[in-house]
């Protein structure tokens, strides 16, 4: 508690200093100390969101124009470079979501005993050291490891789990993957040669014996705006309680090789890890029966007014899987296209049974993305600046599929052997790139009628340091069973952000 108090005090001092700088100086820059060896930069940001539709079963009671997000972030990025071969980097971050305090009814709906974890974050987000030796670089510490480059959906970016508790799959519009990845303690060793084919080799090891050595995806509690449909709070708490204890047996590792061949930037990778989403144990039904609330004084009848299952327990596991994949991209000068692609083969991908809760399957799955980026002039819309057009086609296929199976991974195929999703992104800039509109569309072609979302937004740059934005999440789905957007088809919302950065 004392360390958290000291950390919060330091953050408040920096906030006060930054606000003083904003109010009294026309230009604010990164702070530099120790003859330029220590640099400090950062930002303050508010993200707010209002629902524009009534809540579904998972968000019962939420009404249009309810404030469901008021996320305030203060983040510093501290870099210390005492020598040419050593760099130390740290990101302390303080997050406070005021929506629960501003709307007491929203706070009452969130019944989790871990409510504080979803309202306040006051920790060192990242802290690591880079050690350089010739062509070698070793990064040791709590960090993010970024392998993929897709928009909206992840594929090769598989090392770090995600915090999807405040925006589910739509974080690439409100924020970015960098802001919602959960940093992990890791050793990342890289060797690179910038001649010839520009080879690079990377080895990643995530030790499982360090505190928080294994971290799954972080999901929203029951009653929150992005709560998972049909997931009561005792199940959400059980997911956390079922996490394996710290130990060597939880260690994960990966390998990646990159090179450039005739303009094609390609990579091959392998990653051995636990799944970031839970799978029910084989005896989960017996475990659940043991947690049923029965009244022994009345012949074992249910206790009135008490939920049937109220006791979180170890009902889940996180099995190990192997992922083998590749990425490529190439710029074609004649057409000005940047062609991009990623693919992943998952060995022993866990599936659950649609009808029997304690029956699971292990199957191989293959997923890929093919896409392109192209700058294009559309003179009647913007004669002074090109538009970026970006298209992606995703497909996932489950081998040896049967109709009993259900893919329960985030945004999984549900009960279909394959799934096809397309995204289209268009953005441009006006007034010397101080007005930045963007439109992102996604559509799932799988199923009888399909489903998708429309994500417009616009950001305004005010001077060198202020950013103001406005956007919307518009969901399209015919029923709650559609995989990507169906469970959240009532979650249409408007959102804004205000950001001040000094760098």
Protein backbone atom coordinates (compact mmCIF):
# COMPACT_ATOMS: atom_id res chain seq x y z
CA UNK A 1 0.00 0.00 0.00
CA UNK A 2 2.86 2.36 0.81
CA UNK A 3 4.47 1.82 -2.59
CA UNK A 4 1.18 2.53 -4.35
CA UNK A 5 0.77 5.71 -2.32
CA UNK A 6 4.25 6.88 -3.30
CA UNK A 7 3.60 6.01 -6.96
CA UNK A 8 0.30 7.93 -6.99
CA UNK A 9 1.97 10.89 -5.29
CA UNK A 10 4.71 11.00 -7.94
CA UNK A 11 2.11 10.81 -10.69
CA UNK A 12 0.12 13.65 -9.17
CA UNK A 13 3.25 15.79 -9.03
CA UNK A 14 3.87 15.17 -12.74
CA UNK A 15 0.21 15.93 -13.52
CA UNK A 16 0.46 19.23 -11.68
CA UNK A 17 3.71 20.09 -13.43
CA UNK A 18 2.23 19.21 -16.83
CA UNK A 19 -0.90 21.28 -16.25
CA UNK A 20 1.29 24.20 -15.16
CA UNK A 21 3.26 23.78 -18.38
CA UNK A 22 0.09 23.68 -20.48
CA UNK A 23 -1.30 26.83 -18.90
CA UNK A 24 1.90 28.89 -18.91
CA UNK A 25 4.03 27.83 -21.87
CA UNK A 26 3.12 27.88 -25.54
CA UNK A 27 5.38 24.95 -26.38
CA UNK A 28 5.81 21.94 -24.06
CA UNK A 29 8.45 19.35 -24.85
CA UNK A 30 9.85 16.17 -23.37
CA UNK A 31 11.87 16.70 -20.22
CA UNK A 32 15.58 15.97 -20.50
CA UNK A 33 18.02 15.41 -17.62
CA UNK A 34 21.58 14.20 -17.01
CA UNK A 35 22.98 15.85 -20.14
CA UNK A 36 20.41 14.21 -22.37
CA UNK A 37 20.80 10.69 -21.00
CA UNK A 38 17.38 10.73 -19.29
CA UNK A 39 14.27 11.68 -21.29
CA UNK A 40 10.70 11.85 -20.00
CA UNK A 41 7.64 12.26 -22.17
CA UNK A 42 4.01 11.24 -21.86
CA UNK A 43 0.37 12.18 -22.22
CA UNK A 44 -2.90 12.75 -20.43
CA UNK A 45 -6.06 11.41 -22.04
CA UNK A 46 -9.78 11.07 -21.40
CA UNK A 47 -11.93 8.52 -23.24
CA UNK A 48 -15.69 8.78 -22.68
CA UNK A 49 -18.55 6.78 -24.19
CA UNK A 50 -22.35 6.93 -24.13
CA UNK A 51 -24.67 4.11 -25.17
CA UNK A 52 -27.29 5.00 -27.78
CA UNK A 53 -29.39 1.82 -27.38
CA UNK A 54 -30.99 -0.08 -24.52
CA UNK A 55 -28.84 -2.78 -22.99
CA UNK A 56 -29.13 -6.48 -23.80
CA UNK A 57 -29.40 -9.26 -21.23
CA UNK A 58 -25.70 -8.91 -20.40
CA UNK A 59 -26.14 -5.17 -19.76
CA UNK A 60 -29.66 -5.22 -18.35
CA UNK A 61 -30.78 -1.82 -17.13
CA UNK A 62 -28.51 0.28 -19.32
CA UNK A 63 -30.43 2.94 -21.22
CA UNK A 64 -29.66 5.31 -24.10
CA UNK A 65 -27.24 8.11 -23.19
CA UNK A 66 -25.97 6.32 -20.10
CA UNK A 67 -22.32 7.20 -19.53
CA UNK A 68 -20.55 3.82 -19.67
CA UNK A 69 -16.93 4.96 -19.94
CA UNK A 70 -15.01 7.88 -18.49
CA UNK A 71 -11.47 6.56 -18.64
CA UNK A 72 -8.76 9.00 -17.56
CA UNK A 73 -5.17 8.04 -18.32
CA UNK A 74 -1.90 9.65 -17.31
CA UNK A 75 1.17 7.92 -18.74
CA UNK A 76 4.86 8.66 -18.65
CA UNK A 77 7.54 7.17 -20.88
CA UNK A 78 10.95 7.30 -19.21
CA UNK A 79 14.11 6.39 -21.11
CA UNK A 80 17.54 6.30 -19.51
CA UNK A 81 20.61 5.65 -21.68
CA UNK A 82 23.74 5.69 -19.50
CA UNK A 83 25.95 4.01 -22.14
CA UNK A 84 25.83 3.03 -25.81
CA UNK A 85 25.16 -0.60 -24.92
CA UNK A 86 22.44 -0.14 -22.28
CA UNK A 87 19.01 1.51 -22.34
CA UNK A 88 16.45 1.34 -19.53
CA UNK A 89 12.81 2.07 -20.32
CA UNK A 90 9.79 2.38 -18.01
CA UNK A 91 6.11 3.29 -18.48
CA UNK A 92 4.25 4.16 -15.28
CA UNK A 93 0.54 4.54 -15.98
CA UNK A 94 -2.34 5.72 -13.83
CA UNK A 95 -5.87 4.95 -15.07
CA UNK A 96 -9.10 5.94 -13.37
CA UNK A 97 -12.49 5.12 -14.90
CA UNK A 98 -14.87 7.62 -13.29
CA UNK A 99 -18.03 6.19 -14.87
CA UNK A 100 -18.72 3.92 -11.88
CA UNK A 101 -18.54 6.88 -9.49
CA UNK A 102 -20.50 9.22 -11.74
CA UNK A 103 -23.32 6.67 -12.19
CA UNK A 104 -23.98 4.72 -8.98
CA UNK A 105 -26.50 2.49 -10.76
CA UNK A 106 -23.71 1.31 -13.06
CA UNK A 107 -21.51 0.56 -10.06
CA UNK A 108 -24.31 -1.43 -8.38
CA UNK A 109 -24.73 -3.56 -11.51
CA UNK A 110 -21.08 -4.62 -11.33
CA UNK A 111 -21.18 -7.22 -8.58
CA UNK A 112 -17.55 -8.35 -8.88
CA UNK A 113 -15.48 -8.29 -5.72
CA UNK A 114 -12.64 -7.17 -8.01
CA UNK A 115 -14.52 -3.98 -8.96
CA UNK A 116 -11.50 -1.86 -8.03
CA UNK A 117 -9.38 -3.64 -10.66
CA UNK A 118 -11.71 -2.40 -13.39
CA UNK A 119 -11.83 1.16 -12.06
CA UNK A 120 -8.23 1.94 -11.12
CA UNK A 121 -4.86 0.95 -12.55
CA UNK A 122 -1.85 2.23 -10.65
CA UNK A 123 1.18 0.20 -11.57
CA UNK A 124 4.35 0.25 -13.63
CA UNK A 125 2.95 -0.85 -16.98
CA UNK A 126 6.29 -1.66 -18.62
CA UNK A 127 9.85 -1.74 -17.35
CA UNK A 128 12.72 -3.34 -19.23
CA UNK A 129 16.36 -2.97 -20.18
CA UNK A 130 17.87 -3.21 -23.68
CA UNK A 131 21.41 -4.59 -23.82
CA UNK A 132 23.27 -4.18 -27.14
CA UNK A 133 26.30 -6.16 -28.23
CA UNK A 134 27.25 -5.90 -31.91
CA UNK A 135 24.37 -7.37 -33.92
CA UNK A 136 22.70 -8.68 -30.77
CA UNK A 137 20.03 -7.07 -28.64
CA UNK A 138 18.54 -8.55 -25.45
CA UNK A 139 15.42 -7.00 -23.92
CA UNK A 140 14.75 -8.14 -20.35
CA UNK A 141 11.73 -7.12 -18.29
CA UNK A 142 8.00 -6.46 -18.44
CA UNK A 143 7.23 -5.66 -22.06
CA UNK A 144 5.07 -5.96 -25.17
CA UNK A 145 6.20 -8.13 -28.08
CA UNK A 146 4.60 -7.14 -31.38
CA UNK A 147 4.63 -9.60 -34.27
CA UNK A 148 1.52 -8.86 -36.33
CA UNK A 149 0.24 -5.82 -38.22
CA UNK A 150 -3.45 -6.51 -38.92
CA UNK A 151 -6.25 -4.01 -38.24
CA UNK A 152 -9.17 -4.70 -35.87
CA UNK A 153 -8.49 -8.45 -35.51
CA UNK A 154 -5.24 -10.04 -34.37
CA UNK A 155 -3.58 -13.00 -36.07
CA UNK A 156 0.23 -13.11 -35.83
CA UNK A 157 0.20 -10.75 -32.87
CA UNK A 158 -0.15 -13.64 -30.41
CA UNK A 159 2.39 -13.13 -27.61
CA UNK A 160 0.62 -10.71 -25.25
CA UNK A 161 -2.97 -11.16 -24.06
CA UNK A 162 -5.44 -8.27 -24.32
CA UNK A 163 -7.44 -6.17 -21.89
CA UNK A 164 -10.85 -6.33 -23.57
CA UNK A 165 -12.73 -5.27 -20.44
CA UNK A 166 -13.55 -1.78 -21.70
CA UNK A 167 -14.00 -2.12 -25.45
CA UNK A 168 -14.03 -5.77 -26.64
CA UNK A 169 -12.97 -6.00 -30.35
CA UNK A 170 -13.25 -2.31 -31.19
CA UNK A 171 -10.14 -1.02 -29.46
CA UNK A 172 -8.38 -0.15 -32.72
CA UNK A 173 -10.69 2.84 -33.12
CA UNK A 174 -10.80 4.19 -29.57
CA UNK A 175 -7.23 3.27 -28.84
CA UNK A 176 -4.66 0.87 -30.27
CA UNK A 177 -3.29 -2.60 -29.60
CA UNK A 178 -0.36 -1.00 -27.83
CA UNK A 179 -2.68 0.51 -25.22
CA UNK A 180 -4.65 -2.66 -24.48
CA UNK A 181 -2.00 -5.38 -24.69
CA UNK A 182 -1.15 -6.76 -21.25
CA UNK A 183 2.66 -6.50 -20.84
CA UNK A 184 4.39 -9.69 -19.66
CA UNK A 185 7.74 -10.47 -18.06
CA UNK A 186 9.91 -11.81 -20.87
CA UNK A 187 13.37 -12.26 -22.33
CA UNK A 188 13.49 -11.17 -25.97
CA UNK A 189 16.81 -11.85 -27.77
CA UNK A 190 17.26 -10.53 -31.30
CA UNK A 191 20.11 -10.86 -33.84
CA UNK A 192 19.92 -8.72 -36.99
CA UNK A 193 22.08 -8.19 -40.06
CA UNK A 194 21.22 -5.21 -42.25
CA UNK A 195 23.14 -6.38 -45.31
CA UNK A 196 22.11 -8.85 -48.00
CA UNK A 197 18.72 -10.33 -47.19
CA UNK A 198 18.57 -8.36 -43.92
CA UNK A 199 18.17 -11.43 -41.79
CA UNK A 200 16.96 -11.25 -38.22
CA UNK A 201 16.43 -14.02 -35.67
CA UNK A 202 14.35 -13.61 -32.52
CA UNK A 203 13.93 -15.82 -29.47
CA UNK A 204 11.24 -15.06 -26.87
CA UNK A 205 10.93 -16.68 -23.46
CA UNK A 206 8.13 -15.89 -21.02
CA UNK A 207 9.06 -17.39 -17.63
CA UNK A 208 6.07 -18.75 -15.76
CA UNK A 209 7.54 -18.50 -12.27
CA UNK A 210 7.56 -14.68 -11.98
CA UNK A 211 4.57 -12.93 -10.41
CA UNK A 212 1.82 -12.70 -13.03
CA UNK A 213 3.90 -15.09 -15.13
CA UNK A 214 0.76 -16.22 -16.92
CA UNK A 215 -1.95 -13.73 -17.82
CA UNK A 216 -5.06 -14.52 -19.91
CA UNK A 217 -7.32 -11.99 -21.62
CA UNK A 218 -8.97 -9.62 -19.16
CA UNK A 219 -12.75 -9.57 -19.64
CA UNK A 220 -15.41 -7.19 -18.33
CA UNK A 221 -17.34 -8.04 -15.14
CA UNK A 222 -21.03 -8.88 -15.17
CA UNK A 223 -23.11 -5.73 -15.55
CA UNK A 224 -20.44 -3.72 -17.36
CA UNK A 225 -21.07 -2.32 -20.82
CA UNK A 226 -18.93 -4.93 -22.61
CA UNK A 227 -19.75 -7.89 -20.35
CA UNK A 228 -19.70 -11.22 -22.19
CA UNK A 229 -23.27 -12.33 -22.93
CA UNK A 230 -24.49 -15.24 -20.81
CA UNK A 231 -21.49 -15.15 -18.46
CA UNK A 232 -22.55 -14.65 -14.81
CA UNK A 233 -20.13 -13.05 -12.39
CA UNK A 234 -19.28 -16.27 -10.57
CA UNK A 235 -18.02 -17.60 -13.92
CA UNK A 236 -15.97 -14.44 -14.57
CA UNK A 237 -14.43 -14.78 -11.10
CA UNK A 238 -13.90 -18.50 -11.71
CA UNK A 239 -11.95 -17.71 -14.88
CA UNK A 240 -9.50 -15.68 -12.81
CA UNK A 241 -9.43 -18.24 -10.01
CA UNK A 242 -8.64 -21.02 -12.49
CA UNK A 243 -5.44 -19.37 -13.68
CA UNK A 244 -2.47 -21.71 -13.09
CA UNK A 245 -0.14 -20.85 -10.23
CA UNK A 246 3.25 -19.37 -11.01
CA UNK A 247 5.81 -22.03 -11.91
CA UNK A 248 8.34 -23.19 -14.47
CA UNK A 249 5.69 -25.39 -16.08
CA UNK A 250 3.85 -22.26 -17.28
CA UNK A 251 6.81 -20.97 -19.28
CA UNK A 252 6.10 -20.05 -22.91
CA UNK A 253 8.55 -19.49 -25.76
CA UNK A 254 8.66 -18.50 -29.39
CA UNK A 255 11.00 -18.19 -32.38
CA UNK A 256 10.82 -15.84 -35.36
CA UNK A 257 12.97 -15.46 -38.48
CA UNK A 258 12.67 -12.44 -40.80
CA UNK A 259 14.25 -11.58 -44.14
CA UNK A 260 13.78 -9.62 -47.35
CA UNK A 261 13.77 -11.48 -50.67
CA UNK A 262 13.38 -9.46 -53.90
CA UNK A 263 11.35 -6.84 -52.08
CA UNK A 264 9.21 -9.32 -50.14
CA UNK A 265 9.57 -8.78 -46.39
CA UNK A 266 8.70 -12.15 -44.91
CA UNK A 267 8.81 -13.88 -41.54
CA UNK A 268 8.26 -17.36 -40.13
CA UNK A 269 7.41 -17.92 -36.48
CA UNK A 270 6.60 -20.57 -33.90
CA UNK A 271 4.99 -19.93 -30.51
CA UNK A 272 4.27 -22.46 -27.74
CA UNK A 273 1.95 -21.11 -25.08
CA UNK A 274 -1.19 -21.58 -23.05
CA UNK A 275 -4.42 -20.32 -24.56
CA UNK A 276 -5.44 -16.83 -23.49
CA UNK A 277 -9.07 -17.94 -23.11
CA UNK A 278 -10.33 -20.66 -20.73
CA UNK A 279 -11.59 -24.16 -21.53
CA UNK A 280 -13.94 -26.06 -19.15
CA UNK A 281 -12.41 -28.93 -17.18
CA UNK A 282 -13.55 -32.47 -17.93
CA UNK A 283 -15.29 -32.69 -14.54
CA UNK A 284 -16.76 -29.18 -14.58
CA UNK A 285 -20.35 -30.39 -14.15
CA UNK A 286 -19.47 -32.28 -10.95
CA UNK A 287 -17.57 -29.24 -9.67
CA UNK A 288 -20.54 -26.99 -10.40
CA UNK A 289 -22.93 -29.34 -8.64
CA UNK A 290 -20.71 -29.05 -5.58
CA UNK A 291 -21.19 -25.27 -5.58
CA UNK A 292 -25.00 -25.28 -5.85
CA UNK A 293 -26.67 -23.30 -3.05
CA UNK A 294 -28.98 -25.78 -1.33
CA UNK A 295 -30.66 -25.38 2.05
CA UNK A 296 -29.91 -28.48 4.19
CA UNK A 297 -32.61 -27.48 6.70
CA UNK A 298 -35.35 -27.80 4.09
CA UNK A 299 -34.51 -31.06 2.38
CA UNK A 300 -31.89 -29.63 0.04
CA UNK A 301 -34.19 -27.09 -1.60
CA UNK A 302 -32.78 -24.03 -3.35
CA UNK A 303 -32.24 -21.05 -1.06
CA UNK A 304 -34.70 -18.30 -2.08
CA UNK A 305 -33.11 -15.13 -3.45
CA UNK A 306 -29.64 -16.66 -3.76
CA UNK A 307 -28.11 -17.40 -7.19
CA UNK A 308 -27.97 -21.08 -8.10
CA UNK A 309 -24.18 -20.93 -8.43
CA UNK A 310 -22.62 -18.29 -6.22
CA UNK A 311 -19.21 -19.74 -5.40
CA UNK A 312 -16.32 -19.13 -7.79
CA UNK A 313 -14.19 -22.21 -8.29
CA UNK A 314 -11.50 -23.78 -10.44
CA UNK A 315 -13.75 -24.85 -13.28
CA UNK A 316 -11.45 -24.03 -16.21
CA UNK A 317 -8.02 -24.73 -17.61
CA UNK A 318 -5.70 -23.03 -20.10
CA UNK A 319 -4.24 -25.82 -22.26
CA UNK A 320 -1.00 -25.47 -24.20
CA UNK A 321 -1.09 -25.03 -27.96
CA UNK A 322 1.51 -24.64 -30.70
CA UNK A 323 1.20 -21.95 -33.36
CA UNK A 324 3.16 -22.00 -36.61
CA UNK A 325 2.78 -19.02 -38.91
CA UNK A 326 4.14 -16.62 -41.50
CA UNK A 327 3.76 -13.01 -42.60
CA UNK A 328 4.66 -11.09 -45.75
CA UNK A 329 4.37 -7.62 -47.23
CA UNK A 330 5.66 -6.02 -50.42
CA UNK A 331 5.36 -2.63 -52.08
CA UNK A 332 4.59 -2.79 -55.81
CA UNK A 333 5.76 0.41 -57.47
CA UNK A 334 3.75 0.01 -60.71
CA UNK A 335 0.39 -0.16 -58.91
CA UNK A 336 1.40 1.58 -55.64
CA UNK A 337 -0.11 -1.33 -53.70
CA UNK A 338 1.36 -2.69 -50.48
CA UNK A 339 0.38 -6.34 -50.42
CA UNK A 340 0.11 -7.89 -46.94
CA UNK A 341 -0.61 -11.34 -45.57
CA UNK A 342 -0.49 -13.40 -42.37
CA UNK A 343 -1.34 -17.02 -41.60
CA UNK A 344 -1.33 -19.22 -38.49
CA UNK A 345 -1.71 -22.99 -38.05
CA UNK A 346 -2.75 -23.85 -34.48
CA UNK A 347 -2.06 -27.35 -33.17
CA UNK A 348 -4.48 -28.75 -30.54
CA UNK A 349 -6.78 -25.73 -30.58
CA UNK A 350 -9.40 -26.45 -27.85
CA UNK A 351 -13.09 -26.60 -28.76
CA UNK A 352 -16.09 -27.14 -26.48
CA UNK A 353 -19.27 -29.15 -27.00
CA UNK A 354 -22.44 -27.23 -27.77
CA UNK A 355 -24.59 -29.62 -25.72
CA UNK A 356 -22.35 -31.20 -23.04
CA UNK A 357 -20.41 -28.71 -20.94
CA UNK A 358 -17.69 -31.10 -19.76
CA UNK A 359 -16.81 -32.45 -23.20
CA UNK A 360 -13.95 -30.79 -25.09
CA UNK A 361 -12.13 -31.44 -28.36
CA UNK A 362 -8.70 -30.63 -29.72
CA UNK A 363 -8.50 -29.73 -33.38
CA UNK A 364 -6.08 -28.11 -35.78
CA UNK A 365 -7.20 -24.74 -37.12
CA UNK A 366 -5.82 -22.65 -39.96
CA UNK A 367 -6.45 -18.94 -40.35
CA UNK A 368 -5.06 -16.40 -42.77
CA UNK A 369 -5.35 -12.77 -43.78
CA UNK A 370 -4.77 -11.33 -47.26
CA UNK A 371 -4.92 -7.58 -47.78
CA UNK A 372 -3.54 -4.47 -49.38
CA UNK A 373 -2.92 -0.79 -48.65
CA UNK A 374 -2.95 1.87 -51.34
CA UNK A 375 -2.76 5.69 -51.29
CA UNK A 376 -5.38 6.96 -53.76
CA UNK A 377 -6.37 10.44 -54.88
CA UNK A 378 -10.11 11.18 -54.80
CA UNK A 379 -10.07 14.77 -56.02
CA UNK A 380 -13.73 15.64 -55.54
CA UNK A 381 -13.46 14.67 -51.84
CA UNK A 382 -9.96 15.96 -51.08
CA UNK A 383 -7.91 17.57 -53.87
CA UNK A 384 -4.91 18.23 -51.62
CA UNK A 385 -4.34 14.89 -49.92
CA UNK A 386 -4.56 11.21 -50.87
CA UNK A 387 -6.81 8.68 -49.16
CA UNK A 388 -5.40 5.52 -47.64
CA UNK A 389 -7.47 2.53 -48.75
CA UNK A 390 -6.87 -0.66 -46.77
CA UNK A 391 -8.64 -3.98 -47.33
CA UNK A 392 -8.30 -7.22 -45.36
CA UNK A 393 -9.87 -10.64 -45.87
CA UNK A 394 -9.75 -13.07 -42.93
CA UNK A 395 -10.65 -16.75 -43.01
CA UNK A 396 -10.49 -19.42 -40.32
CA UNK A 397 -10.95 -23.15 -40.97
CA UNK A 398 -11.38 -25.95 -38.40
CA UNK A 399 -10.16 -29.40 -39.46
CA UNK A 400 -12.20 -32.53 -38.62
CA UNK A 401 -15.15 -30.39 -37.55
CA UNK A 402 -18.50 -31.83 -36.44
CA UNK A 403 -21.76 -30.07 -35.62
CA UNK A 404 -21.32 -30.62 -31.85
CA UNK A 405 -18.24 -28.38 -31.74
CA UNK A 406 -18.19 -24.74 -30.77
CA UNK A 407 -15.17 -22.48 -31.18
CA UNK A 408 -15.25 -20.43 -27.98
CA UNK A 409 -12.19 -18.29 -28.60
CA UNK A 410 -12.87 -14.51 -28.70
CA UNK A 411 -14.71 -13.90 -31.94
CA UNK A 412 -14.51 -17.59 -32.77
CA UNK A 413 -16.39 -19.51 -35.46
CA UNK A 414 -19.00 -20.64 -32.93
CA UNK A 415 -20.59 -23.67 -34.60
CA UNK A 416 -19.28 -23.46 -38.16
CA UNK A 417 -16.19 -25.09 -39.66
CA UNK A 418 -15.08 -21.90 -41.37
CA UNK A 419 -15.55 -18.17 -41.13
CA UNK A 420 -14.90 -15.35 -43.58
CA UNK A 421 -14.60 -11.74 -42.42
CA UNK A 422 -13.63 -8.67 -44.46
CA UNK A 423 -12.58 -5.21 -43.29
CA UNK A 424 -12.20 -1.97 -45.22
CA UNK A 425 -10.47 1.13 -43.88
CA UNK A 426 -10.37 4.57 -45.48
CA UNK A 427 -8.82 7.71 -44.03
CA UNK A 428 -7.37 11.03 -45.14
CA UNK A 429 -6.32 14.44 -43.80
CA UNK A 430 -7.56 18.00 -44.24
CA UNK A 431 -6.03 21.39 -43.38
CA UNK A 432 -2.43 20.18 -43.29
CA UNK A 433 -3.44 16.95 -41.54
CA UNK A 434 -5.05 18.69 -38.58
CA UNK A 435 -8.45 17.11 -39.38
CA UNK A 436 -8.22 13.32 -39.72
CA UNK A 437 -11.46 11.51 -40.63
CA UNK A 438 -11.56 7.71 -40.79
CA UNK A 439 -14.12 5.01 -41.59
CA UNK A 440 -13.64 1.34 -40.73
CA UNK A 441 -16.11 -1.31 -41.92
CA UNK A 442 -16.21 -4.98 -40.99
CA UNK A 443 -18.53 -7.71 -42.26
CA UNK A 444 -18.77 -11.40 -41.39
CA UNK A 445 -19.98 -13.40 -44.40
CA UNK A 446 -20.48 -16.59 -42.37
CA UNK A 447 -23.99 -17.54 -41.34
CA UNK A 448 -27.36 -17.13 -42.97
CA UNK A 449 -27.48 -13.33 -43.12
CA UNK A 450 -24.10 -12.14 -41.86
CA UNK A 451 -23.27 -9.37 -39.43
CA UNK A 452 -20.76 -6.57 -39.00
CA UNK A 453 -20.05 -3.08 -37.72
CA UNK A 454 -19.51 0.49 -38.90
CA UNK A 455 -16.88 2.54 -37.07
CA UNK A 456 -16.60 6.21 -38.12
CA UNK A 457 -14.34 8.63 -36.27
CA UNK A 458 -12.59 11.97 -36.72
CA UNK A 459 -9.63 13.43 -34.83
CA UNK A 460 -8.72 17.13 -34.66
CA UNK A 461 -5.18 18.34 -33.90
CA UNK A 462 -5.07 21.62 -31.99
CA UNK A 463 -1.51 22.88 -32.02
CA UNK A 464 1.33 20.46 -31.46
CA UNK A 465 0.04 18.80 -28.33
CA UNK A 466 -3.78 18.67 -28.13
CA UNK A 467 -5.93 16.00 -29.81
CA UNK A 468 -9.75 15.92 -29.77
CA UNK A 469 -11.79 13.10 -31.29
CA UNK A 470 -15.34 11.94 -31.90
CA UNK A 471 -16.52 8.54 -33.12
CA UNK A 472 -19.22 5.88 -33.01
CA UNK A 473 -19.60 2.10 -32.78
CA UNK A 474 -22.56 0.91 -34.83
CA UNK A 475 -23.18 -2.84 -34.56
CA UNK A 476 -25.09 -4.92 -37.13
CA UNK A 477 -26.36 -8.40 -36.24
CA UNK A 478 -29.65 -10.29 -36.59
CA UNK A 479 -29.34 -12.36 -33.43
CA UNK A 480 -27.22 -12.76 -30.30
CA UNK A 481 -25.52 -15.95 -31.55
CA UNK A 482 -23.50 -14.32 -34.32
CA UNK A 483 -19.83 -14.68 -33.31
CA UNK A 484 -18.08 -11.36 -33.62
CA UNK A 485 -20.79 -8.74 -33.11
CA UNK A 486 -24.04 -10.58 -32.36
CA UNK A 487 -23.51 -10.75 -28.61
CA UNK A 488 -22.98 -6.98 -28.58
CA UNK A 489 -25.55 -5.94 -31.17
CA UNK A 490 -27.15 -3.53 -28.65
CA UNK A 491 -23.83 -1.87 -27.76
CA UNK A 492 -24.06 1.02 -30.23
CA UNK A 493 -22.31 3.98 -28.66
CA UNK A 494 -20.83 7.41 -29.24
CA UNK A 495 -17.40 8.13 -27.85
CA UNK A 496 -15.04 11.06 -27.52
CA UNK A 497 -11.44 11.53 -26.49
CA UNK A 498 -9.30 14.44 -25.40
CA UNK A 499 -5.53 14.04 -25.28
CA UNK A 500 -2.61 16.25 -24.33
CA UNK A 501 0.85 14.94 -25.06
CA UNK A 502 4.32 16.29 -24.46
CA UNK A 503 7.15 14.79 -26.47
